[in-house]
Amino acid sequence: MRINTEKIKDLGPCKDRLDNYLKHYPDFDGSLEDFIMLKELTYDDKVWVFVRIATLEQNVRWSLLCASKVLSIFEEKCPGDKRPRQALYAVKAWLNSPTKENAYAVSEATRDAAYAARAASEAARAAAYAASDAAYASTYAARAAAYATRATSEAATDAADYARENQEQVNLLMMVDALK
């Protein structure tokens, strides 16, 4: 599939998204993979186009790649809970053989994984409330420390931004892999 101005307009982007595309790439005519690699478009714009143009299988493959990448984080926090991994197995089975039975298995497994994620989220929220209470109690001491370590805080923010940008690049590369 070719991506060009006409195709982008057919997708119905918001004015800002379209204006940015036209500002940088008014004459672009390339593949979806070429589009994903364009430098002057935001990560969100690339994802927005991808999910609208890619096939169902390509979108599922990309989702599977992304979920597989972070599965270890969930399993580290909830070592006995295999529901997310089972959901990924079901998705792989559907990709290999998109039958009604496999689609039903995906539905069941992803529902169970959603319950697992919700439980993990509720546990994290409870931990966050406890941490919030502890943080509130030490707010004044923390403020004094924050003034002393502002440069460290700014460096940490820069490091977090860098990590987010790197993860976006990894996600885009997985998007390209999903097209194959």
N, C-alpha and C. Protein backbone atom coordinates (compact mmCIF):
# COMPACT_ATOMS: atom_id res chain seq x y z
N MET A 1 0.83 -1.18 0.00
CA MET A 1 0.00 0.00 0.00
C MET A 1 0.88 1.24 0.00
N ARG A 2 0.50 2.20 -0.82
CA ARG A 2 1.24 3.46 -0.91
C ARG A 2 0.62 4.49 0.04
N ILE A 3 1.49 5.23 0.69
CA ILE A 3 1.07 6.33 1.55
C ILE A 3 1.46 7.61 0.85
N ASN A 4 0.49 8.50 0.70
CA ASN A 4 0.74 9.80 0.09
C ASN A 4 -0.29 10.78 0.66
N THR A 5 -0.24 12.01 0.20
CA THR A 5 -1.13 13.03 0.74
C THR A 5 -2.59 12.66 0.57
N GLU A 6 -2.95 12.11 -0.58
CA GLU A 6 -4.34 11.72 -0.81
C GLU A 6 -4.79 10.66 0.19
N LYS A 7 -3.94 9.67 0.42
CA LYS A 7 -4.27 8.60 1.36
C LYS A 7 -4.40 9.15 2.78
N ILE A 8 -3.48 10.02 3.16
CA ILE A 8 -3.54 10.62 4.50
C ILE A 8 -4.83 11.41 4.66
N LYS A 9 -5.19 12.20 3.65
CA LYS A 9 -6.44 12.97 3.73
C LYS A 9 -7.65 12.06 3.83
N ASP A 10 -7.62 10.93 3.11
CA ASP A 10 -8.74 9.97 3.15
C ASP A 10 -8.95 9.40 4.55
N LEU A 11 -7.89 9.36 5.36
CA LEU A 11 -8.01 8.84 6.71
C LEU A 11 -8.73 9.80 7.65
N GLY A 12 -8.86 11.06 7.24
CA GLY A 12 -9.58 12.05 8.05
C GLY A 12 -8.83 12.52 9.29
N PRO A 13 -7.56 12.90 9.15
CA PRO A 13 -6.82 13.36 10.33
C PRO A 13 -7.32 14.73 10.78
N CYS A 14 -6.98 15.07 12.02
CA CYS A 14 -7.31 16.42 12.50
C CYS A 14 -6.45 17.43 11.73
N LYS A 15 -6.84 18.67 11.79
CA LYS A 15 -6.15 19.72 11.04
C LYS A 15 -4.68 19.82 11.41
N ASP A 16 -4.37 19.80 12.69
CA ASP A 16 -2.97 19.91 13.13
C ASP A 16 -2.11 18.76 12.60
N ARG A 17 -2.66 17.56 12.66
CA ARG A 17 -1.92 16.38 12.18
C ARG A 17 -1.66 16.50 10.68
N LEU A 18 -2.69 16.88 9.92
CA LEU A 18 -2.55 17.02 8.48
C LEU A 18 -1.60 18.16 8.13
N ASP A 19 -1.74 19.29 8.81
CA ASP A 19 -0.86 20.44 8.54
C ASP A 19 0.61 20.08 8.78
N ASN A 20 0.88 19.34 9.85
CA ASN A 20 2.26 18.95 10.12
C ASN A 20 2.79 18.03 9.03
N TYR A 21 1.97 17.09 8.59
CA TYR A 21 2.37 16.18 7.52
C TYR A 21 2.67 16.98 6.25
N LEU A 22 1.76 17.87 5.88
CA LEU A 22 1.93 18.65 4.64
C LEU A 22 3.12 19.61 4.72
N LYS A 23 3.39 20.11 5.89
CA LYS A 23 4.54 21.02 6.08
C LYS A 23 5.85 20.29 5.75
N HIS A 24 5.96 19.05 6.18
CA HIS A 24 7.23 18.33 6.04
C HIS A 24 7.29 17.38 4.84
N TYR A 25 6.15 16.83 4.44
CA TYR A 25 6.18 15.78 3.42
C TYR A 25 5.05 15.92 2.39
N PRO A 26 4.88 17.09 1.77
CA PRO A 26 3.76 17.25 0.84
C PRO A 26 3.85 16.34 -0.39
N ASP A 27 5.05 15.93 -0.75
CA ASP A 27 5.23 15.10 -1.95
C ASP A 27 5.60 13.66 -1.63
N PHE A 28 5.46 13.27 -0.38
CA PHE A 28 5.83 11.90 0.00
C PHE A 28 4.91 10.90 -0.70
N ASP A 29 5.50 9.84 -1.20
CA ASP A 29 4.76 8.73 -1.80
C ASP A 29 5.60 7.48 -1.55
N GLY A 30 5.24 6.74 -0.51
CA GLY A 30 6.04 5.58 -0.15
C GLY A 30 5.21 4.52 0.55
N SER A 31 5.90 3.50 1.00
CA SER A 31 5.23 2.40 1.69
C SER A 31 4.92 2.80 3.13
N LEU A 32 4.13 1.98 3.79
CA LEU A 32 3.83 2.21 5.20
C LEU A 32 5.12 2.13 6.02
N GLU A 33 6.01 1.22 5.66
CA GLU A 33 7.30 1.12 6.34
C GLU A 33 8.11 2.41 6.16
N ASP A 34 8.12 2.96 4.95
CA ASP A 34 8.82 4.22 4.71
C ASP A 34 8.19 5.34 5.54
N PHE A 35 6.86 5.35 5.61
CA PHE A 35 6.15 6.37 6.39
C PHE A 35 6.54 6.31 7.86
N ILE A 36 6.61 5.10 8.40
CA ILE A 36 6.94 4.93 9.82
C ILE A 36 8.33 5.50 10.12
N MET A 37 9.22 5.48 9.16
CA MET A 37 10.59 5.94 9.37
C MET A 37 10.77 7.44 9.14
N LEU A 38 9.73 8.17 8.75
CA LEU A 38 9.86 9.61 8.53
C LEU A 38 10.24 10.31 9.83
N LYS A 39 11.18 11.23 9.74
CA LYS A 39 11.75 11.86 10.94
C LYS A 39 10.90 12.97 11.53
N GLU A 40 10.20 13.72 10.71
CA GLU A 40 9.51 14.91 11.18
C GLU A 40 8.07 14.68 11.64
N LEU A 41 7.67 13.43 11.76
CA LEU A 41 6.33 13.13 12.26
C LEU A 41 6.43 12.60 13.68
N THR A 42 5.43 12.87 14.48
CA THR A 42 5.46 12.39 15.86
C THR A 42 5.17 10.89 15.91
N TYR A 43 5.57 10.31 16.98
CA TYR A 43 5.27 8.90 17.25
C TYR A 43 3.76 8.68 17.19
N ASP A 44 3.00 9.55 17.84
CA ASP A 44 1.54 9.41 17.85
C ASP A 44 0.95 9.46 16.45
N ASP A 45 1.49 10.33 15.59
CA ASP A 45 0.99 10.41 14.22
C ASP A 45 1.27 9.11 13.46
N LYS A 46 2.43 8.54 13.68
CA LYS A 46 2.79 7.30 12.99
C LYS A 46 1.88 6.16 13.45
N VAL A 47 1.64 6.09 14.76
CA VAL A 47 0.75 5.05 15.28
C VAL A 47 -0.66 5.25 14.75
N TRP A 48 -1.12 6.50 14.72
CA TRP A 48 -2.46 6.82 14.24
C TRP A 48 -2.66 6.31 12.81
N VAL A 49 -1.69 6.55 11.95
CA VAL A 49 -1.78 6.10 10.56
C VAL A 49 -1.68 4.57 10.50
N PHE A 50 -0.73 4.01 11.22
CA PHE A 50 -0.52 2.55 11.16
C PHE A 50 -1.79 1.78 11.50
N VAL A 51 -2.43 2.13 12.62
CA VAL A 51 -3.59 1.34 13.04
C VAL A 51 -4.76 1.48 12.08
N ARG A 52 -4.77 2.52 11.28
CA ARG A 52 -5.86 2.71 10.32
C ARG A 52 -5.56 2.05 8.97
N ILE A 53 -4.29 1.86 8.67
CA ILE A 53 -3.92 1.33 7.35
C ILE A 53 -3.53 -0.14 7.41
N ALA A 54 -2.88 -0.55 8.48
CA ALA A 54 -2.43 -1.94 8.58
C ALA A 54 -3.63 -2.88 8.63
N THR A 55 -3.40 -4.10 8.19
CA THR A 55 -4.46 -5.12 8.25
C THR A 55 -4.70 -5.52 9.71
N LEU A 56 -5.78 -6.22 9.94
CA LEU A 56 -6.06 -6.73 11.27
C LEU A 56 -4.90 -7.59 11.77
N GLU A 57 -4.41 -8.47 10.92
CA GLU A 57 -3.31 -9.34 11.32
C GLU A 57 -2.05 -8.55 11.66
N GLN A 58 -1.75 -7.50 10.89
CA GLN A 58 -0.58 -6.67 11.18
C GLN A 58 -0.75 -5.92 12.50
N ASN A 59 -1.94 -5.41 12.75
CA ASN A 59 -2.20 -4.74 14.02
C ASN A 59 -2.08 -5.71 15.19
N VAL A 60 -2.61 -6.91 15.02
CA VAL A 60 -2.52 -7.92 16.08
C VAL A 60 -1.06 -8.33 16.29
N ARG A 61 -0.32 -8.51 15.20
CA ARG A 61 1.09 -8.89 15.31
C ARG A 61 1.88 -7.80 16.05
N TRP A 62 1.61 -6.54 15.73
CA TRP A 62 2.30 -5.44 16.42
C TRP A 62 1.93 -5.43 17.90
N SER A 63 0.66 -5.59 18.20
CA SER A 63 0.23 -5.64 19.60
C SER A 63 0.90 -6.79 20.35
N LEU A 64 1.00 -7.92 19.68
CA LEU A 64 1.65 -9.09 20.28
C LEU A 64 3.13 -8.81 20.55
N LEU A 65 3.82 -8.19 19.60
CA LEU A 65 5.23 -7.85 19.80
C LEU A 65 5.40 -6.90 20.99
N CYS A 66 4.53 -5.89 21.06
CA CYS A 66 4.62 -4.92 22.16
C CYS A 66 4.32 -5.59 23.50
N ALA A 67 3.25 -6.39 23.55
CA ALA A 67 2.88 -7.06 24.80
C ALA A 67 3.97 -8.03 25.23
N SER A 68 4.56 -8.75 24.28
CA SER A 68 5.63 -9.70 24.61
C SER A 68 6.82 -8.98 25.22
N LYS A 69 7.07 -7.78 24.75
CA LYS A 69 8.22 -7.01 25.23
C LYS A 69 8.09 -6.65 26.71
N VAL A 70 6.86 -6.46 27.21
CA VAL A 70 6.68 -6.03 28.60
C VAL A 70 6.12 -7.12 29.51
N LEU A 71 5.89 -8.30 28.95
CA LEU A 71 5.33 -9.39 29.74
C LEU A 71 6.17 -9.69 30.98
N SER A 72 7.47 -9.62 30.84
CA SER A 72 8.36 -9.94 31.97
C SER A 72 8.14 -8.99 33.14
N ILE A 73 7.76 -7.76 32.87
CA ILE A 73 7.50 -6.80 33.95
C ILE A 73 6.31 -7.27 34.78
N PHE A 74 5.23 -7.67 34.09
CA PHE A 74 4.06 -8.17 34.80
C PHE A 74 4.42 -9.43 35.58
N GLU A 75 5.12 -10.36 34.93
CA GLU A 75 5.44 -11.63 35.58
C GLU A 75 6.39 -11.45 36.77
N GLU A 76 7.20 -10.41 36.72
CA GLU A 76 8.07 -10.12 37.86
C GLU A 76 7.24 -9.66 39.05
N LYS A 77 6.21 -8.89 38.79
CA LYS A 77 5.35 -8.37 39.86
C LYS A 77 4.32 -9.40 40.32
N CYS A 78 3.90 -10.27 39.42
CA CYS A 78 2.88 -11.29 39.72
C CYS A 78 3.38 -12.64 39.21
N PRO A 79 4.40 -13.21 39.87
CA PRO A 79 5.08 -14.39 39.33
C PRO A 79 4.20 -15.62 39.12
N GLY A 80 3.15 -15.77 39.87
CA GLY A 80 2.32 -16.96 39.71
C GLY A 80 1.18 -16.81 38.72
N ASP A 81 1.00 -15.63 38.20
CA ASP A 81 -0.15 -15.37 37.33
C ASP A 81 0.25 -15.55 35.87
N LYS A 82 -0.24 -16.60 35.26
CA LYS A 82 0.12 -16.93 33.87
C LYS A 82 -0.92 -16.47 32.86
N ARG A 83 -1.96 -15.77 33.30
CA ARG A 83 -3.03 -15.38 32.38
C ARG A 83 -2.56 -14.51 31.22
N PRO A 84 -1.73 -13.49 31.44
CA PRO A 84 -1.26 -12.71 30.29
C PRO A 84 -0.45 -13.55 29.29
N ARG A 85 0.41 -14.42 29.79
CA ARG A 85 1.20 -15.28 28.90
C ARG A 85 0.27 -16.21 28.11
N GLN A 86 -0.75 -16.75 28.76
CA GLN A 86 -1.70 -17.62 28.08
C GLN A 86 -2.46 -16.85 27.00
N ALA A 87 -2.76 -15.57 27.28
CA ALA A 87 -3.43 -14.75 26.27
C ALA A 87 -2.53 -14.57 25.05
N LEU A 88 -1.23 -14.36 25.28
CA LEU A 88 -0.31 -14.20 24.16
C LEU A 88 -0.20 -15.50 23.35
N TYR A 89 -0.21 -16.64 24.04
CA TYR A 89 -0.21 -17.92 23.32
C TYR A 89 -1.45 -18.06 22.45
N ALA A 90 -2.59 -17.64 23.00
CA ALA A 90 -3.85 -17.73 22.25
C ALA A 90 -3.81 -16.82 21.02
N VAL A 91 -3.24 -15.63 21.18
CA VAL A 91 -3.12 -14.70 20.04
C VAL A 91 -2.21 -15.30 18.98
N LYS A 92 -1.09 -15.88 19.39
CA LYS A 92 -0.20 -16.53 18.42
C LYS A 92 -0.91 -17.65 17.68
N ALA A 93 -1.70 -18.43 18.41
CA ALA A 93 -2.44 -19.52 17.76
C ALA A 93 -3.42 -18.95 16.74
N TRP A 94 -4.08 -17.85 17.07
CA TRP A 94 -5.02 -17.23 16.13
C TRP A 94 -4.28 -16.70 14.90
N LEU A 95 -3.11 -16.09 15.11
CA LEU A 95 -2.35 -15.59 13.96
C LEU A 95 -1.94 -16.73 13.03
N ASN A 96 -1.60 -17.88 13.61
CA ASN A 96 -1.20 -19.04 12.80
C ASN A 96 -2.39 -19.71 12.14
N SER A 97 -3.56 -19.61 12.77
CA SER A 97 -4.76 -20.26 12.25
C SER A 97 -5.99 -19.48 12.71
N PRO A 98 -6.40 -18.45 11.93
CA PRO A 98 -7.49 -17.57 12.37
C PRO A 98 -8.89 -18.20 12.25
N THR A 99 -9.10 -19.25 13.04
CA THR A 99 -10.40 -19.91 13.04
C THR A 99 -11.30 -19.30 14.10
N LYS A 100 -12.59 -19.62 14.05
CA LYS A 100 -13.53 -19.14 15.07
C LYS A 100 -13.14 -19.67 16.44
N GLU A 101 -12.71 -20.92 16.48
CA GLU A 101 -12.32 -21.52 17.76
C GLU A 101 -11.14 -20.77 18.37
N ASN A 102 -10.15 -20.45 17.55
CA ASN A 102 -8.99 -19.72 18.06
C ASN A 102 -9.37 -18.29 18.44
N ALA A 103 -10.28 -17.69 17.69
CA ALA A 103 -10.75 -16.34 18.04
C ALA A 103 -11.46 -16.37 19.39
N TYR A 104 -12.25 -17.41 19.63
CA TYR A 104 -12.93 -17.56 20.91
C TYR A 104 -11.91 -17.73 22.03
N ALA A 105 -10.88 -18.54 21.78
CA ALA A 105 -9.83 -18.75 22.78
C ALA A 105 -9.12 -17.43 23.10
N VAL A 106 -8.88 -16.62 22.08
CA VAL A 106 -8.27 -15.30 22.31
C VAL A 106 -9.18 -14.45 23.18
N SER A 107 -10.46 -14.47 22.87
CA SER A 107 -11.42 -13.69 23.64
C SER A 107 -11.41 -14.09 25.11
N GLU A 108 -11.45 -15.38 25.36
CA GLU A 108 -11.44 -15.88 26.74
C GLU A 108 -10.13 -15.54 27.44
N ALA A 109 -9.03 -15.79 26.76
CA ALA A 109 -7.71 -15.57 27.38
C ALA A 109 -7.45 -14.09 27.63
N THR A 110 -7.84 -13.23 26.69
CA THR A 110 -7.61 -11.80 26.90
C THR A 110 -8.52 -11.26 27.99
N ARG A 111 -9.73 -11.82 28.11
CA ARG A 111 -10.60 -11.42 29.22
C ARG A 111 -9.92 -11.77 30.54
N ASP A 112 -9.40 -12.98 30.64
CA ASP A 112 -8.71 -13.39 31.86
C ASP A 112 -7.48 -12.52 32.12
N ALA A 113 -6.74 -12.20 31.05
CA ALA A 113 -5.56 -11.35 31.21
C ALA A 113 -5.96 -9.95 31.66
N ALA A 114 -7.09 -9.47 31.16
CA ALA A 114 -7.58 -8.15 31.59
C ALA A 114 -7.90 -8.15 33.08
N TYR A 115 -8.51 -9.24 33.56
CA TYR A 115 -8.77 -9.35 35.00
C TYR A 115 -7.46 -9.35 35.79
N ALA A 116 -6.46 -10.05 35.26
CA ALA A 116 -5.16 -10.08 35.92
C ALA A 116 -4.55 -8.68 35.96
N ALA A 117 -4.62 -7.98 34.84
CA ALA A 117 -4.07 -6.63 34.78
C ALA A 117 -4.81 -5.70 35.73
N ARG A 118 -6.12 -5.88 35.80
CA ARG A 118 -6.91 -5.04 36.70
C ARG A 118 -6.52 -5.30 38.15
N ALA A 119 -6.35 -6.58 38.50
CA ALA A 119 -5.94 -6.91 39.86
C ALA A 119 -4.57 -6.31 40.17
N ALA A 120 -3.66 -6.41 39.21
CA ALA A 120 -2.33 -5.83 39.41
C ALA A 120 -2.42 -4.31 39.54
N SER A 121 -3.30 -3.72 38.74
CA SER A 121 -3.49 -2.28 38.80
C SER A 121 -4.05 -1.85 40.16
N GLU A 122 -5.02 -2.61 40.66
CA GLU A 122 -5.60 -2.28 41.97
C GLU A 122 -4.56 -2.42 43.08
N ALA A 123 -3.73 -3.44 42.98
CA ALA A 123 -2.66 -3.62 43.97
C ALA A 123 -1.67 -2.46 43.88
N ALA A 124 -1.35 -2.06 42.65
CA ALA A 124 -0.42 -0.93 42.47
C ALA A 124 -1.03 0.37 43.00
N ARG A 125 -2.35 0.52 42.77
CA ARG A 125 -3.02 1.72 43.27
C ARG A 125 -2.99 1.75 44.79
N ALA A 126 -3.25 0.62 45.43
CA ALA A 126 -3.21 0.55 46.89
C ALA A 126 -1.80 0.89 47.38
N ALA A 127 -0.80 0.36 46.69
CA ALA A 127 0.58 0.67 47.07
C ALA A 127 0.87 2.15 46.85
N ALA A 128 0.29 2.71 45.79
CA ALA A 128 0.50 4.14 45.52
C ALA A 128 -0.14 4.99 46.60
N TYR A 129 -1.33 4.59 47.07
CA TYR A 129 -1.97 5.34 48.17
C TYR A 129 -1.12 5.30 49.42
N ALA A 130 -0.58 4.12 49.72
CA ALA A 130 0.28 3.99 50.90
C ALA A 130 1.53 4.85 50.73
N ALA A 131 2.09 4.81 49.53
CA ALA A 131 3.28 5.63 49.27
C ALA A 131 2.93 7.12 49.33
N SER A 132 1.74 7.45 48.85
CA SER A 132 1.29 8.84 48.89
C SER A 132 1.18 9.33 50.33
N ASP A 133 0.60 8.50 51.19
CA ASP A 133 0.49 8.87 52.61
C ASP A 133 1.86 9.08 53.22
N ALA A 134 2.77 8.17 52.92
CA ALA A 134 4.13 8.30 53.44
C ALA A 134 4.82 9.54 52.88
N ALA A 135 4.59 9.79 51.61
CA ALA A 135 5.20 10.96 50.98
C ALA A 135 4.65 12.25 51.57
N TYR A 136 3.35 12.27 51.84
CA TYR A 136 2.74 13.47 52.42
C TYR A 136 3.35 13.77 53.77
N ALA A 137 3.59 12.73 54.54
CA ALA A 137 4.16 12.92 55.88
C ALA A 137 5.56 13.51 55.81
N SER A 138 6.26 13.21 54.73
CA SER A 138 7.64 13.70 54.63
C SER A 138 7.80 14.82 53.62
N THR A 139 6.72 15.50 53.27
CA THR A 139 6.75 16.52 52.24
C THR A 139 7.76 17.63 52.53
N TYR A 140 7.75 18.13 53.74
CA TYR A 140 8.61 19.26 54.03
C TYR A 140 10.09 18.88 53.98
N ALA A 141 10.41 17.71 54.48
CA ALA A 141 11.80 17.24 54.39
C ALA A 141 12.19 17.02 52.92
N ALA A 142 11.24 16.50 52.16
CA ALA A 142 11.51 16.24 50.75
C ALA A 142 11.72 17.54 49.98
N ARG A 143 10.96 18.57 50.35
CA ARG A 143 11.15 19.86 49.67
C ARG A 143 12.56 20.39 49.87
N ALA A 144 13.03 20.29 51.08
CA ALA A 144 14.39 20.76 51.36
C ALA A 144 15.39 19.95 50.54
N ALA A 145 15.18 18.65 50.48
CA ALA A 145 16.07 17.79 49.70
C ALA A 145 15.95 18.10 48.21
N ALA A 146 14.74 18.43 47.77
CA ALA A 146 14.53 18.72 46.35
C ALA A 146 15.31 19.96 45.93
N TYR A 147 15.33 20.98 46.78
CA TYR A 147 16.09 22.18 46.44
C TYR A 147 17.57 21.84 46.31
N ALA A 148 18.03 20.96 47.16
CA ALA A 148 19.45 20.59 47.13
C ALA A 148 19.79 19.70 45.95
N THR A 149 18.80 19.01 45.43
CA THR A 149 19.08 18.04 44.36
C THR A 149 18.36 18.37 43.06
N ARG A 150 18.03 19.62 42.85
CA ARG A 150 17.30 20.00 41.64
C ARG A 150 18.03 19.56 40.37
N ALA A 151 19.32 19.71 40.34
CA ALA A 151 20.08 19.29 39.15
C ALA A 151 19.93 17.78 38.92
N THR A 152 19.95 17.01 39.99
CA THR A 152 19.76 15.57 39.86
C THR A 152 18.37 15.26 39.33
N SER A 153 17.39 15.98 39.83
CA SER A 153 16.01 15.78 39.38
C SER A 153 15.87 16.09 37.89
N GLU A 154 16.49 17.17 37.46
CA GLU A 154 16.44 17.52 36.04
C GLU A 154 17.13 16.45 35.19
N ALA A 155 18.23 15.92 35.69
CA ALA A 155 18.93 14.86 34.98
C ALA A 155 18.05 13.60 34.91
N ALA A 156 17.34 13.30 36.00
CA ALA A 156 16.46 12.14 36.01
C ALA A 156 15.32 12.32 35.02
N THR A 157 14.80 13.55 34.93
CA THR A 157 13.74 13.83 33.96
C THR A 157 14.26 13.65 32.54
N ASP A 158 15.45 14.16 32.29
CA ASP A 158 16.05 13.98 30.97
C ASP A 158 16.25 12.50 30.65
N ALA A 159 16.68 11.74 31.65
CA ALA A 159 16.88 10.30 31.44
C ALA A 159 15.56 9.61 31.14
N ALA A 160 14.50 10.01 31.85
CA ALA A 160 13.18 9.41 31.61
C ALA A 160 12.68 9.75 30.20
N ASP A 161 12.88 11.00 29.78
CA ASP A 161 12.49 11.41 28.43
C ASP A 161 13.26 10.60 27.38
N TYR A 162 14.54 10.43 27.62
CA TYR A 162 15.38 9.66 26.71
C TYR A 162 14.88 8.21 26.62
N ALA A 163 14.55 7.62 27.78
CA ALA A 163 14.06 6.24 27.80
C ALA A 163 12.73 6.13 27.05
N ARG A 164 11.84 7.12 27.22
CA ARG A 164 10.55 7.10 26.52
C ARG A 164 10.77 7.18 25.02
N GLU A 165 11.66 8.08 24.59
CA GLU A 165 11.94 8.21 23.16
C GLU A 165 12.54 6.92 22.60
N ASN A 166 13.42 6.29 23.37
CA ASN A 166 13.99 5.02 22.91
C ASN A 166 12.92 3.95 22.80
N GLN A 167 12.00 3.90 23.78
CA GLN A 167 10.93 2.91 23.72
C GLN A 167 10.03 3.17 22.52
N GLU A 168 9.78 4.43 22.20
CA GLU A 168 8.98 4.74 21.02
C GLU A 168 9.68 4.22 19.76
N GLN A 169 11.00 4.37 19.70
CA GLN A 169 11.74 3.86 18.54
C GLN A 169 11.65 2.34 18.46
N VAL A 170 11.75 1.68 19.61
CA VAL A 170 11.60 0.22 19.63
C VAL A 170 10.20 -0.16 19.14
N ASN A 171 9.18 0.56 19.61
CA ASN A 171 7.80 0.26 19.18
C ASN A 171 7.65 0.45 17.68
N LEU A 172 8.26 1.49 17.13
CA LEU A 172 8.17 1.72 15.68
C LEU A 172 8.86 0.60 14.91
N LEU A 173 10.00 0.14 15.41
CA LEU A 173 10.68 -0.97 14.75
C LEU A 173 9.83 -2.25 14.82
N MET A 174 9.15 -2.45 15.94
CA MET A 174 8.25 -3.61 16.03
C MET A 174 7.08 -3.44 15.07
N MET A 175 6.65 -2.20 14.85
CA MET A 175 5.59 -1.93 13.89
C MET A 175 6.03 -2.37 12.49
N VAL A 176 7.28 -2.03 12.13
CA VAL A 176 7.82 -2.44 10.84
C VAL A 176 7.89 -3.96 10.76
N ASP A 177 8.34 -4.60 11.85
CA ASP A 177 8.39 -6.07 11.87
C ASP A 177 7.00 -6.66 11.67
N ALA A 178 5.98 -6.01 12.21
CA ALA A 178 4.61 -6.53 12.09
C ALA A 178 4.12 -6.50 10.65
N LEU A 179 4.72 -5.67 9.82
CA LEU A 179 4.32 -5.58 8.42
C LEU A 179 4.84 -6.74 7.59
N LYS A 180 5.80 -7.46 8.10
CA LYS A 180 6.45 -8.54 7.33
C LYS A 180 5.70 -9.84 7.47
